[in-house]
C-alpha atoms as a PDB file:
ATOM      1  CA  UNK A   1     -11.021  -2.451  18.751  1.00  0.00           C
ATOM      2  CA  UNK A   2     -10.700   1.284  18.256  1.00  0.00           C
ATOM      3  CA  UNK A   3      -8.784   2.733  15.304  1.00  0.00           C
ATOM      4  CA  UNK A   4      -5.469   2.817  17.145  1.00  0.00           C
ATOM      5  CA  UNK A   5      -5.742  -0.832  18.146  1.00  0.00           C
ATOM      6  CA  UNK A   6      -6.711  -1.777  14.603  1.00  0.00           C
ATOM      7  CA  UNK A   7      -3.667  -0.006  13.165  1.00  0.00           C
ATOM      8  CA  UNK A   8      -1.360  -1.526  15.773  1.00  0.00           C
ATOM      9  CA  UNK A   9      -2.736  -4.978  14.885  1.00  0.00           C
ATOM     10  CA  UNK A  10      -2.261  -4.380  11.157  1.00  0.00           C
ATOM     11  CA  UNK A  11       1.270  -3.080  11.692  1.00  0.00           C
ATOM     12  CA  UNK A  12       2.294  -6.080  13.785  1.00  0.00           C
ATOM     13  CA  UNK A  13       0.867  -8.451  11.160  1.00  0.00           C
ATOM     14  CA  UNK A  14       2.685  -6.963   8.157  1.00  0.00           C
ATOM     15  CA  UNK A  15       5.804  -6.355  10.235  1.00  0.00           C
ATOM     16  CA  UNK A  16       6.012  -9.916  11.561  1.00  0.00           C
ATOM     17  CA  UNK A  17       9.457 -11.440  10.843  1.00  0.00           C
ATOM     18  CA  UNK A  18       7.860 -14.557   9.351  1.00  0.00           C
ATOM     19  CA  UNK A  19       6.287 -12.469   6.565  1.00  0.00           C
ATOM     20  CA  UNK A  20       9.662 -10.913   5.635  1.00  0.00           C
ATOM     21  CA  UNK A  21       7.973  -7.688   4.539  1.00  0.00           C
ATOM     22  CA  UNK A  22       9.751  -5.132   6.754  1.00  0.00           C
ATOM     23  CA  UNK A  23      12.618  -4.932   9.227  1.00  0.00           C
ATOM     24  CA  UNK A  24      13.951  -2.170  11.474  1.00  0.00           C
ATOM     25  CA  UNK A  25      12.090   1.071  10.680  1.00  0.00           C
ATOM     26  CA  UNK A  26      10.942   0.005   7.213  1.00  0.00           C
ATOM     27  CA  UNK A  27       7.418   0.503   5.936  1.00  0.00           C
ATOM     28  CA  UNK A  28       4.439   2.436   7.251  1.00  0.00           C
ATOM     29  CA  UNK A  29       0.719   1.952   7.796  1.00  0.00           C
ATOM     30  CA  UNK A  30      -2.378   4.123   8.116  1.00  0.00           C
ATOM     31  CA  UNK A  31      -6.102   3.990   8.832  1.00  0.00           C
ATOM     32  CA  UNK A  32      -8.940   6.414   8.184  1.00  0.00           C
ATOM     33  CA  UNK A  33     -10.512   7.575  11.454  1.00  0.00           C
ATOM     34  CA  UNK A  34     -13.269   9.717   9.907  1.00  0.00           C
ATOM     35  CA  UNK A  35     -13.817  12.011   6.925  1.00  0.00           C
ATOM     36  CA  UNK A  36     -11.449  14.592   8.378  1.00  0.00           C
ATOM     37  CA  UNK A  37      -8.583  12.635   9.952  1.00  0.00           C
ATOM     38  CA  UNK A  38      -6.404   9.539   9.829  1.00  0.00           C
ATOM     39  CA  UNK A  39      -3.725   7.773  11.868  1.00  0.00           C
ATOM     40  CA  UNK A  40      -0.295   6.982  10.417  1.00  0.00           C
ATOM     41  CA  UNK A  41       2.818   5.271  11.751  1.00  0.00           C
ATOM     42  CA  UNK A  42       5.401   7.605  13.275  1.00  0.00           C
ATOM     43  CA  UNK A  43       8.789   7.906  11.645  1.00  0.00           C
ATOM     44  CA  UNK A  44      11.525   5.643  12.978  1.00  0.00           C
ATOM     45  CA  UNK A  45       9.442   3.065  14.846  1.00  0.00           C
ATOM     46  CA  UNK A  46       9.283  -0.606  13.901  1.00  0.00           C
ATOM     47  CA  UNK A  47       6.079  -2.094  12.490  1.00  0.00           C
ATOM     48  CA  UNK A  48       6.429  -5.325  14.441  1.00  0.00           C
ATOM     49  CA  UNK A  49       6.698  -3.625  17.833  1.00  0.00           C
ATOM     50  CA  UNK A  50       4.972  -0.230  17.575  1.00  0.00           C
ATOM     51  CA  UNK A  51       2.375   0.771  20.154  1.00  0.00           C
ATOM     52  CA  UNK A  52      -0.578   3.127  20.318  1.00  0.00           C
ATOM     53  CA  UNK A  53       1.666   6.120  21.073  1.00  0.00           C
ATOM     54  CA  UNK A  54       3.707   5.433  17.928  1.00  0.00           C
ATOM     55  CA  UNK A  55       0.787   6.578  15.756  1.00  0.00           C
ATOM     56  CA  UNK A  56       0.260  10.187  14.692  1.00  0.00           C
ATOM     57  CA  UNK A  57      -3.248  11.611  14.192  1.00  0.00           C
ATOM     58  CA  UNK A  58      -3.366  13.937  11.158  1.00  0.00           C
ATOM     59  CA  UNK A  59      -5.899  16.087   9.291  1.00  0.00           C
ATOM     60  CA  UNK A  60      -6.479  15.430   5.601  1.00  0.00           C
ATOM     61  CA  UNK A  61      -7.211  19.062   4.721  1.00  0.00           C
ATOM     62  CA  UNK A  62      -3.771  20.212   5.847  1.00  0.00           C
ATOM     63  CA  UNK A  63      -1.924  17.640   3.732  1.00  0.00           C
ATOM     64  CA  UNK A  64      -3.854  17.118   0.504  1.00  0.00           C
ATOM     65  CA  UNK A  65      -3.131  20.612  -0.938  1.00  0.00           C
ATOM     66  CA  UNK A  66       0.540  19.542  -1.170  1.00  0.00           C
ATOM     67  CA  UNK A  67      -0.419  17.273  -4.074  1.00  0.00           C
ATOM     68  CA  UNK A  68      -0.880  20.318  -6.291  1.00  0.00           C
ATOM     69  CA  UNK A  69       1.498  23.142  -6.979  1.00  0.00           C
ATOM     70  CA  UNK A  70       5.250  23.353  -7.232  1.00  0.00           C
ATOM     71  CA  UNK A  71       8.233  21.964  -5.382  1.00  0.00           C
ATOM     72  CA  UNK A  72       8.058  21.563  -1.603  1.00  0.00           C
ATOM     73  CA  UNK A  73      11.227  21.684   0.477  1.00  0.00           C
ATOM     74  CA  UNK A  74      11.866  19.259   3.333  1.00  0.00           C
ATOM     75  CA  UNK A  75      11.511  22.112   5.811  1.00  0.00           C
ATOM     76  CA  UNK A  76       8.165  23.121   4.315  1.00  0.00           C
ATOM     77  CA  UNK A  77       6.957  19.516   4.356  1.00  0.00           C
ATOM     78  CA  UNK A  78       7.925  19.102   8.018  1.00  0.00           C
ATOM     79  CA  UNK A  79       6.094  22.315   8.911  1.00  0.00           C
ATOM     80  CA  UNK A  80       2.930  21.154   7.151  1.00  0.00           C
ATOM     81  CA  UNK A  81       3.088  17.777   8.891  1.00  0.00           C
ATOM     82  CA  UNK A  82       3.383  19.492  12.269  1.00  0.00           C
ATOM     83  CA  UNK A  83       0.450  21.782  11.466  1.00  0.00           C
ATOM     84  CA  UNK A  84      -1.636  18.763  10.422  1.00  0.00           C
ATOM     85  CA  UNK A  85      -1.425  17.083  13.836  1.00  0.00           C
ATOM     86  CA  UNK A  86      -4.720  16.766  15.672  1.00  0.00           C
ATOM     87  CA  UNK A  87      -2.746  16.733  18.927  1.00  0.00           C
ATOM     88  CA  UNK A  88      -0.219  19.545  18.582  1.00  0.00           C
ATOM     89  CA  UNK A  89       1.602  18.282  21.664  1.00  0.00           C
ATOM     90  CA  UNK A  90       2.399  14.867  20.197  1.00  0.00           C
ATOM     91  CA  UNK A  91       6.184  14.660  19.943  1.00  0.00           C
ATOM     92  CA  UNK A  92       6.490  11.899  17.324  1.00  0.00           C
ATOM     93  CA  UNK A  93       6.958  12.877  13.681  1.00  0.00           C
ATOM     94  CA  UNK A  94       4.712  11.221  11.099  1.00  0.00           C
ATOM     95  CA  UNK A  95       6.312   9.140   8.376  1.00  0.00           C
ATOM     96  CA  UNK A  96       7.692  11.208   5.496  1.00  0.00           C
ATOM     97  CA  UNK A  97       5.285   9.183   3.341  1.00  0.00           C
ATOM     98  CA  UNK A  98       2.200  10.348   5.258  1.00  0.00           C
ATOM     99  CA  UNK A  99       1.117  12.375   2.202  1.00  0.00           C
ATOM    100  CA  UNK A 100       0.651   9.350  -0.042  1.00  0.00           C
ATOM    101  CA  UNK A 101      -1.245   7.661   2.788  1.00  0.00           C
ATOM    102  CA  UNK A 102      -3.588  10.658   2.991  1.00  0.00           C
ATOM    103  CA  UNK A 103      -4.137  10.513  -0.769  1.00  0.00           C
ATOM    104  CA  UNK A 104      -4.659   6.727  -0.875  1.00  0.00           C
ATOM    105  CA  UNK A 105      -7.182   6.893   1.965  1.00  0.00           C
ATOM    106  CA  UNK A 106      -9.263   9.215  -0.223  1.00  0.00           C
ATOM    107  CA  UNK A 107      -9.770   6.465  -2.808  1.00  0.00           C
ATOM    108  CA  UNK A 108     -13.188   4.740  -2.950  1.00  0.00           C
ATOM    109  CA  UNK A 109     -13.346   1.711  -0.675  1.00  0.00           C
ATOM    110  CA  UNK A 110      -9.961   2.286   0.986  1.00  0.00           C
ATOM    111  CA  UNK A 111      -9.905   2.419   4.784  1.00  0.00           C
ATOM    112  CA  UNK A 112      -6.399   1.147   5.513  1.00  0.00           C
ATOM    113  CA  UNK A 113      -3.029   1.309   3.761  1.00  0.00           C
ATOM    114  CA  UNK A 114      -0.027  -0.948   4.358  1.00  0.00           C
ATOM    115  CA  UNK A 115       3.310  -0.049   2.777  1.00  0.00           C
ATOM    116  CA  UNK A 116       6.087  -2.633   3.122  1.00  0.00           C
ATOM    117  CA  UNK A 117       9.431  -3.604   1.588  1.00  0.00           C
ATOM    118  CA  UNK A 118       9.146  -7.392   1.102  1.00  0.00           C
ATOM    119  CA  UNK A 119      12.364  -9.123   0.082  1.00  0.00           C
ATOM    120  CA  UNK A 120      10.602 -11.235  -2.548  1.00  0.00           C
ATOM    121  CA  UNK A 121       8.797  -8.234  -4.041  1.00  0.00           C
ATOM    122  CA  UNK A 122      11.840  -5.982  -4.075  1.00  0.00           C
ATOM    123  CA  UNK A 123      13.831  -8.701  -5.781  1.00  0.00           C
ATOM    124  CA  UNK A 124      11.560  -7.906  -8.733  1.00  0.00           C
ATOM    125  CA  UNK A 125      11.055  -4.139  -8.297  1.00  0.00           C
ATOM    126  CA  UNK A 126      14.861  -3.795  -8.344  1.00  0.00           C
ATOM    127  CA  UNK A 127      15.358  -6.170 -11.285  1.00  0.00           C
ATOM    128  CA  UNK A 128      16.201  -5.333 -14.886  1.00  0.00           C
ATOM    129  CA  UNK A 129      12.862  -6.869 -15.838  1.00  0.00           C
ATOM    130  CA  UNK A 130      10.857  -4.141 -14.052  1.00  0.00           C
ATOM    131  CA  UNK A 131       7.919  -3.652 -14.454  1.00  0.00           C
ATOM    132  CA  UNK A 132       7.111  -6.481 -16.885  1.00  0.00           C
ATOM    133  CA  UNK A 133       8.028  -9.196 -14.363  1.00  0.00           C
ATOM    134  CA  UNK A 134       5.234  -7.991 -12.054  1.00  0.00           C
ATOM    135  CA  UNK A 135       2.526  -7.349 -14.627  1.00  0.00           C
ATOM    136  CA  UNK A 136      -0.574  -9.480 -15.156  1.00  0.00           C
ATOM    137  CA  UNK A 137      -1.830 -12.419 -13.122  1.00  0.00           C
ATOM    138  CA  UNK A 138      -0.559 -15.997 -13.093  1.00  0.00           C
ATOM    139  CA  UNK A 139      -3.040 -17.955 -10.953  1.00  0.00           C
ATOM    140  CA  UNK A 140      -6.637 -17.524  -9.731  1.00  0.00           C
ATOM    141  CA  UNK A 141      -5.965 -16.491  -6.138  1.00  0.00           C
ATOM    142  CA  UNK A 142      -3.549 -13.800  -7.274  1.00  0.00           C
ATOM    143  CA  UNK A 143      -6.268 -12.299  -9.467  1.00  0.00           C
ATOM    144  CA  UNK A 144      -8.988 -12.591  -6.832  1.00  0.00           C
ATOM    145  CA  UNK A 145      -6.943 -11.071  -3.985  1.00  0.00           C
ATOM    146  CA  UNK A 146      -4.856  -8.521  -5.910  1.00  0.00           C
ATOM    147  CA  UNK A 147      -7.307  -7.517  -8.628  1.00  0.00           C
ATOM    148  CA  UNK A 148      -6.868  -7.596 -12.419  1.00  0.00           C
ATOM    149  CA  UNK A 149      -3.547  -5.730 -12.441  1.00  0.00           C
ATOM    150  CA  UNK A 150      -1.430  -3.326 -10.403  1.00  0.00           C
ATOM    151  CA  UNK A 151      -0.145   0.241 -10.454  1.00  0.00           C
ATOM    152  CA  UNK A 152       3.558   0.609 -11.293  1.00  0.00           C
ATOM    153  CA  UNK A 153       5.434   3.708 -10.165  1.00  0.00           C
ATOM    154  CA  UNK A 154       8.970   4.446 -11.436  1.00  0.00           C
ATOM    155  CA  UNK A 155      11.520   5.332  -8.758  1.00  0.00           C
ATOM    156  CA  UNK A 156      11.193   8.887  -7.440  1.00  0.00           C
ATOM    157  CA  UNK A 157      12.201  10.557  -4.193  1.00  0.00           C
ATOM    158  CA  UNK A 158       9.970   9.734  -1.189  1.00  0.00           C
ATOM    159  CA  UNK A 159       7.719  12.568  -0.081  1.00  0.00           C
ATOM    160  CA  UNK A 160       5.683  14.929  -2.234  1.00  0.00           C
ATOM    161  CA  UNK A 161       7.086  13.771  -5.581  1.00  0.00           C
ATOM    162  CA  UNK A 162       6.303  10.139  -4.804  1.00  0.00           C
ATOM    163  CA  UNK A 163       2.785  10.964  -3.589  1.00  0.00           C
ATOM    164  CA  UNK A 164       2.062  12.790  -6.852  1.00  0.00           C
ATOM    165  CA  UNK A 165       3.396   9.868  -8.907  1.00  0.00           C
ATOM    166  CA  UNK A 166       1.216   7.412  -6.983  1.00  0.00           C
ATOM    167  CA  UNK A 167      -1.821   9.673  -7.430  1.00  0.00           C
ATOM    168  CA  UNK A 168      -1.245   9.747 -11.190  1.00  0.00           C
ATOM    169  CA  UNK A 169      -0.783   5.976 -11.315  1.00  0.00           C
ATOM    170  CA  UNK A 170      -4.045   5.383  -9.458  1.00  0.00           C
ATOM    171  CA  UNK A 171      -5.896   7.788 -11.751  1.00  0.00           C
ATOM    172  CA  UNK A 172      -4.603   5.966 -14.843  1.00  0.00           C
ATOM    173  CA  UNK A 173      -5.578   2.607 -13.323  1.00  0.00           C
ATOM    174  CA  UNK A 174      -9.105   3.844 -12.585  1.00  0.00           C
ATOM    175  CA  UNK A 175      -9.428   5.001 -16.199  1.00  0.00           C
ATOM    176  CA  UNK A 176      -8.435   1.534 -17.459  1.00  0.00           C
ATOM    177  CA  UNK A 177     -10.310  -0.638 -14.972  1.00  0.00           C
ATOM    178  CA  UNK A 178     -13.022   1.557 -13.457  1.00  0.00           C
ATOM    179  CA  UNK A 179     -12.020   0.522  -9.944  1.00  0.00           C
ATOM    180  CA  UNK A 180      -9.567   1.241  -7.157  1.00  0.00           C
ATOM    181  CA  UNK A 181      -6.326  -0.790  -7.362  1.00  0.00           C
ATOM    182  CA  UNK A 182      -5.369  -3.215  -4.616  1.00  0.00           C
ATOM    183  CA  UNK A 183      -1.614  -3.140  -5.190  1.00  0.00           C
ATOM    184  CA  UNK A 184       0.946  -0.487  -6.058  1.00  0.00           C
ATOM    185  CA  UNK A 185       4.514  -1.514  -6.870  1.00  0.00           C
ATOM    186  CA  UNK A 186       7.252   1.123  -6.609  1.00  0.00           C
ATOM    187  CA  UNK A 187      10.494   0.612  -8.497  1.00  0.00           C
ATOM    188  CA  UNK A 188      13.474  -0.105  -6.205  1.00  0.00           C
ATOM    189  CA  UNK A 189      11.251   0.644  -3.219  1.00  0.00           C
ATOM    190  CA  UNK A 190       8.383  -1.674  -2.320  1.00  0.00           C
ATOM    191  CA  UNK A 191       4.689  -2.486  -2.138  1.00  0.00           C
ATOM    192  CA  UNK A 192       1.542  -0.601  -1.132  1.00  0.00           C
ATOM    193  CA  UNK A 193      -1.617  -2.563  -0.247  1.00  0.00           C
ATOM    194  CA  UNK A 194      -4.952  -0.708  -0.312  1.00  0.00           C
ATOM    195  CA  UNK A 195      -7.610  -2.412   1.781  1.00  0.00           C
ATOM    196  CA  UNK A 196     -11.185  -2.000   2.946  1.00  0.00           C
ATOM    197  CA  UNK A 197     -10.054  -3.205   6.374  1.00  0.00           C
ATOM    198  CA  UNK A 198      -6.955  -4.503   8.138  1.00  0.00           C
ATOM    199  CA  UNK A 199      -7.655  -8.127   7.173  1.00  0.00           C
ATOM    200  CA  UNK A 200      -7.753  -7.292   3.485  1.00  0.00           C
ATOM    201  CA  UNK A 201      -4.541  -5.256   3.671  1.00  0.00           C
ATOM    202  CA  UNK A 202      -2.721  -8.164   5.326  1.00  0.00           C
ATOM    203  CA  UNK A 203      -4.144 -10.635   2.768  1.00  0.00           C
ATOM    204  CA  UNK A 204      -3.063  -8.423  -0.131  1.00  0.00           C
ATOM    205  CA  UNK A 205       0.459  -8.118   1.285  1.00  0.00           C
ATOM    206  CA  UNK A 206       0.784 -11.868   1.862  1.00  0.00           C
ATOM    207  CA  UNK A 207      -0.541 -12.752  -1.594  1.00  0.00           C
ATOM    208  CA  UNK A 208       1.736 -10.207  -3.288  1.00  0.00           C
ATOM    209  CA  UNK A 209       4.703 -11.824  -1.555  1.00  0.00           C
ATOM    210  CA  UNK A 210       3.630 -15.326  -2.605  1.00  0.00           C
ATOM    211  CA  UNK A 211       3.085 -14.127  -6.179  1.00  0.00           C
ATOM    212  CA  UNK A 212       6.536 -12.531  -6.234  1.00  0.00           C
ATOM    213  CA  UNK A 213       8.129 -15.810  -5.140  1.00  0.00           C
ATOM    214  CA  UNK A 214       6.222 -17.730  -7.811  1.00  0.00           C
ATOM    215  CA  UNK A 215       7.321 -15.207 -10.430  1.00  0.00           C
ATOM    216  CA  UNK A 216      10.947 -15.679  -9.427  1.00  0.00           C
ATOM    217  CA  UNK A 217      10.598 -19.469  -9.718  1.00  0.00           C
ATOM    218  CA  UNK A 218       8.819 -19.145 -13.080  1.00  0.00           C
ATOM    219  CA  UNK A 219      11.570 -16.884 -14.409  1.00  0.00           C
ATOM    220  CA  UNK A 220      14.201 -19.426 -13.392  1.00  0.00           C
ATOM    221  CA  UNK A 221      12.180 -22.188 -15.118  1.00  0.00           C
ATOM    222  CA  UNK A 222      11.971 -20.470 -18.482  1.00  0.00           C
ATOM    223  CA  UNK A 223       9.597 -17.536 -18.030  1.00  0.00           C
ATOM    224  CA  UNK A 224       6.258 -16.395 -16.635  1.00  0.00           C
ATOM    225  CA  UNK A 225       3.109 -17.936 -18.123  1.00  0.00           C
ATOM    226  CA  UNK A 226       0.383 -15.375 -17.403  1.00  0.00           C
ATOM    227  CA  UNK A 227      -3.367 -15.847 -17.504  1.00  0.00           C
ATOM    228  CA  UNK A 228      -4.943 -13.948 -20.401  1.00  0.00           C
ATOM    229  CA  UNK A 229      -7.132 -10.917 -19.659  1.00  0.00           C
ATOM    230  CA  UNK A 230     -10.358 -12.740 -20.533  1.00  0.00           C
ATOM    231  CA  UNK A 231      -9.588 -15.492 -18.027  1.00  0.00           C
ATOM    232  CA  UNK A 232      -8.779 -12.959 -15.322  1.00  0.00           C
ATOM    233  CA  UNK A 233     -12.032 -11.084 -16.010  1.00  0.00           C
ATOM    234  CA  UNK A 234     -13.965 -14.360 -15.843  1.00  0.00           C
ATOM    235  CA  UNK A 235     -12.390 -15.256 -12.503  1.00  0.00           C
ATOM    236  CA  UNK A 236     -13.167 -11.855 -11.017  1.00  0.00           C
ATOM    237  CA  UNK A 237     -16.791 -12.133 -12.159  1.00  0.00           C
ATOM    238  CA  UNK A 238     -17.463 -15.595 -10.744  1.00  0.00           C
ATOM    239  CA  UNK A 239     -20.013 -15.505  -7.879  1.00  0.00           C
ATOM    240  CA  UNK A 240     -18.120 -18.145  -5.900  1.00  0.00           C
ATOM    241  CA  UNK A 241     -14.893 -16.149  -6.069  1.00  0.00           C
ATOM    242  CA  UNK A 242     -16.700 -12.969  -4.973  1.00  0.00           C
ATOM    243  CA  UNK A 243     -18.221 -14.847  -2.046  1.00  0.00           C
ATOM    244  CA  UNK A 244     -14.861 -16.327  -1.038  1.00  0.00           C
ATOM    245  CA  UNK A 245     -13.142 -12.951  -1.212  1.00  0.00           C
ATOM    246  CA  UNK A 246     -15.831 -11.347   0.935  1.00  0.00           C
ATOM    247  CA  UNK A 247     -15.470 -14.140   3.487  1.00  0.00           C
ATOM    248  CA  UNK A 248     -11.675 -13.777   3.574  1.00  0.00           C
ATOM    249  CA  UNK A 249     -11.830 -10.042   4.254  1.00  0.00           C
ATOM    250  CA  UNK A 250     -14.863 -10.042   6.531  1.00  0.00           C
ATOM    251  CA  UNK A 251     -16.778  -7.674   4.233  1.00  0.00           C
END
């Protein structure tokens, strides 16, 4: 499959009604095409039904400078997005969140990004227990698929401000763990999965949803019993778990 087909496949998978991760025009996805460009979902289309023409091809170098500097108006942001198009004649507008996709695709090992609004996850991102109810790991597969912990971003306006907050959260995570995060949770908003390929991004999304459901059950049964950090580190270092993870993602 070419990059467009890969992104269509990823979008249909995370937008499938059975996953309950996005409805209507919710969520967005992206894939790195090469060092200079990427594809991102167009604004207003539905993940479960989008086609090849619902993807916008953008240049990194036109977008990334927005991460630095002062405030950017909506009109200025729209103008930059239009100027970033590889095909200037393409009529679809990229998602307003294309900037954080561009930034996430610059992270080591990240080739695809899937942003969704799962019901189970947002039940926790919108809860009074945020972010503690989503911190840590509870069971081995959660640790293996989602990594040792996640990035947590307080609610901010979508667009440039959100992209900068995500960038800062990733930088802090890399300082703590020396690696790229797999999951980013945004308060009152949703989930971002960072994957090496489309299979990994789908697996991360599905596991984050399962983990959110387990957390809700644990909270109703008296509270969350997390694995300690040493146990999580041991699990992530086990050769059999590394082999299984590689097999699951096709790495």
